[in-house]
């Protein structure tokens, strides 16, 4: 059986691209902000107008039982 090196390279590139796209699709935007009443909120929903964003971060979603270290 003869395997074409170009096919291997193309397959590897597609594998990497699909992994990158899947990571981006499964990531989420998270916010820590104070609302207009001064209440501290941690949410994955975009803050309403008039809120002061303290921190905004994109984190990859994890599978159930999996843990990630966030700084």
Protein backbone atom coordinates (compact mmCIF):
# COMPACT_ATOMS: atom_id res chain seq x y z
CA UNK A 1 0.00 0.00 0.00
CA UNK A 2 1.44 3.34 -1.07
CA UNK A 3 0.54 6.41 1.04
CA UNK A 4 0.92 9.81 -0.56
CA UNK A 5 2.84 12.27 1.71
CA UNK A 6 0.61 15.11 0.49
CA UNK A 7 -2.45 13.21 1.74
CA UNK A 8 -0.86 12.80 5.16
CA UNK A 9 -0.01 16.51 5.32
CA UNK A 10 -3.51 17.50 4.20
CA UNK A 11 -5.08 15.18 6.76
CA UNK A 12 -2.88 16.57 9.54
CA UNK A 13 -3.78 20.16 8.58
CA UNK A 14 -7.49 19.33 8.57
CA UNK A 15 -7.16 17.61 11.96
CA UNK A 16 -5.50 20.70 13.46
CA UNK A 17 -8.02 23.08 11.84
CA UNK A 18 -11.02 21.08 13.06
CA UNK A 19 -9.56 20.95 16.58
CA UNK A 20 -9.05 24.72 16.57
CA UNK A 21 -12.57 25.43 15.30
CA UNK A 22 -14.10 23.02 17.84
CA UNK A 23 -12.23 24.77 20.65
CA UNK A 24 -13.46 28.17 19.52
CA UNK A 25 -17.05 26.95 19.20
CA UNK A 26 -16.98 25.41 22.67
CA UNK A 27 -15.51 28.46 24.35
CA UNK A 28 -17.59 30.97 26.26
CA UNK A 29 -17.38 34.64 27.12
CA UNK A 30 -17.60 35.38 30.85
CA UNK A 31 -18.05 38.73 32.59
CA UNK A 32 -17.58 40.12 36.07
CA UNK A 33 -19.30 43.48 36.35
CA UNK A 34 -21.21 45.86 38.58
CA UNK A 35 -24.71 46.65 37.43
CA UNK A 36 -26.28 50.13 37.58
CA UNK A 37 -27.32 49.46 41.22
CA UNK A 38 -23.75 48.57 42.25
CA UNK A 39 -24.42 44.83 42.59
CA UNK A 40 -21.47 42.56 41.65
CA UNK A 41 -22.47 40.08 38.92
CA UNK A 42 -20.61 37.09 37.46
CA UNK A 43 -22.27 35.91 34.27
CA UNK A 44 -21.85 34.44 30.82
CA UNK A 45 -24.38 36.97 29.50
CA UNK A 46 -23.29 40.33 28.09
CA UNK A 47 -23.74 43.08 30.70
CA UNK A 48 -26.60 45.55 30.22
CA UNK A 49 -25.84 49.17 29.29
CA UNK A 50 -24.74 51.26 32.27
CA UNK A 51 -22.78 48.38 33.83
CA UNK A 52 -19.09 48.67 34.72
CA UNK A 53 -17.16 45.64 33.43
CA UNK A 54 -14.49 44.62 35.93
CA UNK A 55 -13.20 41.61 33.98
CA UNK A 56 -14.08 39.93 30.69
CA UNK A 57 -12.56 36.58 29.73
CA UNK A 58 -13.03 33.88 27.11
CA UNK A 59 -12.72 30.40 28.57
CA UNK A 60 -12.93 27.03 26.86
CA UNK A 61 -15.84 24.94 28.07
CA UNK A 62 -14.84 21.72 29.80
CA UNK A 63 -16.40 18.30 29.79
CA UNK A 64 -18.26 17.20 32.90
CA UNK A 65 -15.79 16.18 35.58
CA UNK A 66 -12.95 18.04 33.87
CA UNK A 67 -11.21 20.97 35.58
CA UNK A 68 -9.18 23.83 34.12
CA UNK A 69 -6.81 26.19 35.90
CA UNK A 70 -7.77 29.84 35.45
CA UNK A 71 -5.52 32.69 36.49
